[in-house]
Protein backbone atom coordinates (compact mmCIF):
# COMPACT_ATOMS: atom_id res chain seq x y z
CA UNK A 1 -8.10 111.19 -11.03
CA UNK A 2 -7.80 110.42 -14.67
CA UNK A 3 -6.44 107.19 -16.13
CA UNK A 4 -5.43 106.32 -19.80
CA UNK A 5 -6.29 103.03 -21.32
CA UNK A 6 -7.07 101.11 -24.64
CA UNK A 7 -10.45 102.13 -26.23
CA UNK A 8 -13.19 99.35 -26.09
CA UNK A 9 -16.35 98.68 -27.61
CA UNK A 10 -18.52 99.86 -24.84
CA UNK A 11 -16.60 103.42 -25.01
CA UNK A 12 -17.95 104.10 -28.43
CA UNK A 13 -21.00 106.08 -27.21
CA UNK A 14 -19.01 108.28 -25.03
CA UNK A 15 -16.46 108.86 -27.62
CA UNK A 16 -19.36 109.55 -29.99
CA UNK A 17 -20.60 112.57 -27.62
CA UNK A 18 -17.10 113.87 -27.62
CA UNK A 19 -16.99 113.99 -31.55
CA UNK A 20 -19.94 115.70 -31.79
CA UNK A 21 -18.53 118.52 -29.45
CA UNK A 22 -15.43 118.63 -32.18
CA UNK A 23 -14.42 120.18 -35.48
CA UNK A 24 -14.56 117.52 -38.20
CA UNK A 25 -16.44 114.86 -36.21
CA UNK A 26 -16.08 111.01 -37.01
CA UNK A 27 -19.34 109.24 -37.40
CA UNK A 28 -20.46 106.31 -35.23
CA UNK A 29 -19.52 104.01 -38.13
CA UNK A 30 -16.31 105.40 -38.60
CA UNK A 31 -15.50 105.32 -34.76
CA UNK A 32 -16.53 101.36 -34.86
CA UNK A 33 -14.33 100.92 -37.96
CA UNK A 34 -11.30 102.46 -36.10
CA UNK A 35 -11.83 100.22 -33.07
CA UNK A 36 -12.01 97.16 -35.36
CA UNK A 37 -8.49 98.46 -37.26
CA UNK A 38 -5.49 96.16 -36.90
CA UNK A 39 -2.44 98.52 -36.71
CA UNK A 40 -1.81 101.41 -34.48
CA UNK A 41 -3.55 102.34 -31.09
CA UNK A 42 -6.76 103.73 -29.78
CA UNK A 43 -6.69 105.36 -26.31
CA UNK A 44 -9.33 106.95 -24.03
CA UNK A 45 -8.81 109.22 -20.96
CA UNK A 46 -11.24 108.37 -18.13
CA UNK A 47 -11.94 110.44 -15.04
CA UNK A 48 -13.53 108.53 -12.16
CA UNK A 49 -16.14 110.86 -11.54
CA UNK A 50 -17.02 111.76 -15.46
CA UNK A 51 -16.13 108.92 -17.39
CA UNK A 52 -14.55 109.29 -20.75
CA UNK A 53 -13.36 112.56 -21.18
CA UNK A 54 -10.93 112.28 -24.29
CA UNK A 55 -9.56 109.90 -26.84
CA UNK A 56 -7.06 109.51 -29.71
CA UNK A 57 -5.98 107.11 -32.20
CA UNK A 58 -3.27 106.49 -34.61
CA UNK A 59 -2.35 104.21 -37.39
CA UNK A 60 1.20 102.82 -37.98
CA UNK A 61 3.11 101.74 -40.83
CA UNK A 62 6.18 100.84 -39.25
CA UNK A 63 8.83 102.94 -38.47
CA UNK A 64 6.15 105.84 -38.89
CA UNK A 65 2.81 106.27 -37.39
CA UNK A 66 0.02 108.95 -38.09
CA UNK A 67 -2.01 110.62 -35.50
CA UNK A 68 -5.56 110.57 -36.63
CA UNK A 69 -7.48 111.96 -34.04
CA UNK A 70 -7.11 113.51 -30.48
CA UNK A 71 -10.04 114.81 -29.06
CA UNK A 72 -11.32 116.16 -25.47
CA UNK A 73 -14.78 116.75 -24.12
CA UNK A 74 -15.43 120.35 -24.56
CA UNK A 75 -15.96 121.18 -20.78
CA UNK A 76 -12.37 119.40 -19.91
CA UNK A 77 -10.25 121.21 -22.78
CA UNK A 78 -7.42 123.06 -21.28
CA UNK A 79 -6.88 120.80 -18.43
CA UNK A 80 -3.84 118.82 -19.89
CA UNK A 81 -5.90 116.00 -21.01
CA UNK A 82 -4.97 116.19 -24.59
CA UNK A 83 -1.51 116.35 -23.42
CA UNK A 84 -1.93 113.46 -21.11
CA UNK A 85 -3.34 111.22 -24.25
CA UNK A 86 -0.47 112.31 -26.41
CA UNK A 87 2.11 111.54 -23.87
CA UNK A 88 0.80 108.14 -23.31
CA UNK A 89 0.48 107.45 -27.22
CA UNK A 90 4.17 108.62 -27.81
CA UNK A 91 5.06 106.27 -25.08
CA UNK A 92 3.47 103.32 -26.35
CA UNK A 93 4.89 103.89 -29.87
CA UNK A 94 8.26 104.28 -28.76
CA UNK A 95 7.91 101.15 -26.93
CA UNK A 96 6.84 99.44 -30.45
CA UNK A 97 10.06 100.79 -31.86
CA UNK A 98 8.23 103.75 -34.26
CA UNK A 99 10.57 106.52 -34.86
CA UNK A 100 8.15 109.37 -36.26
CA UNK A 101 4.91 110.76 -35.69
CA UNK A 102 2.80 112.62 -38.38
CA UNK A 103 -0.50 114.12 -38.23
CA UNK A 104 -2.54 116.77 -40.35
CA UNK A 105 -4.35 119.76 -38.78
CA UNK A 106 -6.55 122.39 -40.31
CA UNK A 107 -4.43 125.35 -40.90
CA UNK A 108 -7.05 127.90 -39.34
CA UNK A 109 -6.95 125.79 -36.15
CA UNK A 110 -4.51 128.02 -34.37
CA UNK A 111 -5.22 126.24 -31.02
CA UNK A 112 -4.47 122.66 -32.11
CA UNK A 113 -1.52 123.93 -34.21
CA UNK A 114 -0.30 125.53 -30.82
CA UNK A 115 -0.98 122.31 -28.97
CA UNK A 116 1.13 120.30 -31.33
CA UNK A 117 3.99 123.08 -31.47
CA UNK A 118 4.24 122.56 -27.62
CA UNK A 119 4.90 119.07 -28.03
CA UNK A 120 7.44 119.19 -30.53
CA UNK A 121 5.95 118.81 -33.75
CA UNK A 122 6.99 120.83 -36.65
CA UNK A 123 5.39 121.75 -40.37
CA UNK A 124 6.88 119.40 -43.15
CA UNK A 125 4.21 120.20 -45.86
CA UNK A 126 0.66 121.22 -46.88
CA UNK A 127 -2.22 120.00 -48.55
CA UNK A 128 -4.13 122.60 -50.26
CA UNK A 129 -7.87 122.31 -49.85
CA UNK A 130 -7.79 119.10 -47.92
CA UNK A 131 -10.68 119.83 -45.75
CA UNK A 132 -14.19 120.58 -46.35
CA UNK A 133 -17.05 121.94 -44.26
CA UNK A 134 -15.29 124.52 -43.81
CA UNK A 135 -13.15 124.43 -46.61
CA UNK A 136 -9.31 124.58 -45.38
CA UNK A 137 -5.76 123.49 -46.12
CA UNK A 138 -4.26 120.95 -44.10
CA UNK A 139 -0.88 121.22 -42.64
CA UNK A 140 1.42 118.29 -42.11
CA UNK A 141 3.51 118.22 -39.11
CA UNK A 142 5.92 115.62 -37.76
CA UNK A 143 7.67 114.86 -34.48
CA UNK A 144 10.49 112.27 -33.80
CA UNK A 145 9.36 109.54 -31.20
CA UNK A 146 12.36 108.82 -29.67
């Protein structure tokens, strides 16, 4: 059984391991700073036998929010964990009165782009040469929350 709950300080080591398996990983310092940030939401997906298997975070500038990260453990991908996290995040944001969720995704990350398209996001812009290591453009995606 998988539950979704708020990120806690004791979760940072597990989240850092997941980040190590992800494209554009966040550092331990970035994770700690995100946990301490005020506005927005930070969630983890936790499986009873496996521990933390995914996480996501967003920042809010009401009435808009920006999804900063959604990542799932490599062995748990394609099992609906990302969708579960996103659904909980959208529900939380809707409950707080947010109207729109934005995100940036690597143009070459076709898997992530497909995921977001399935969840109702559409492209509204491009940031040329936004990413490094490897270089890539960022596609700006948007979805209404309600």
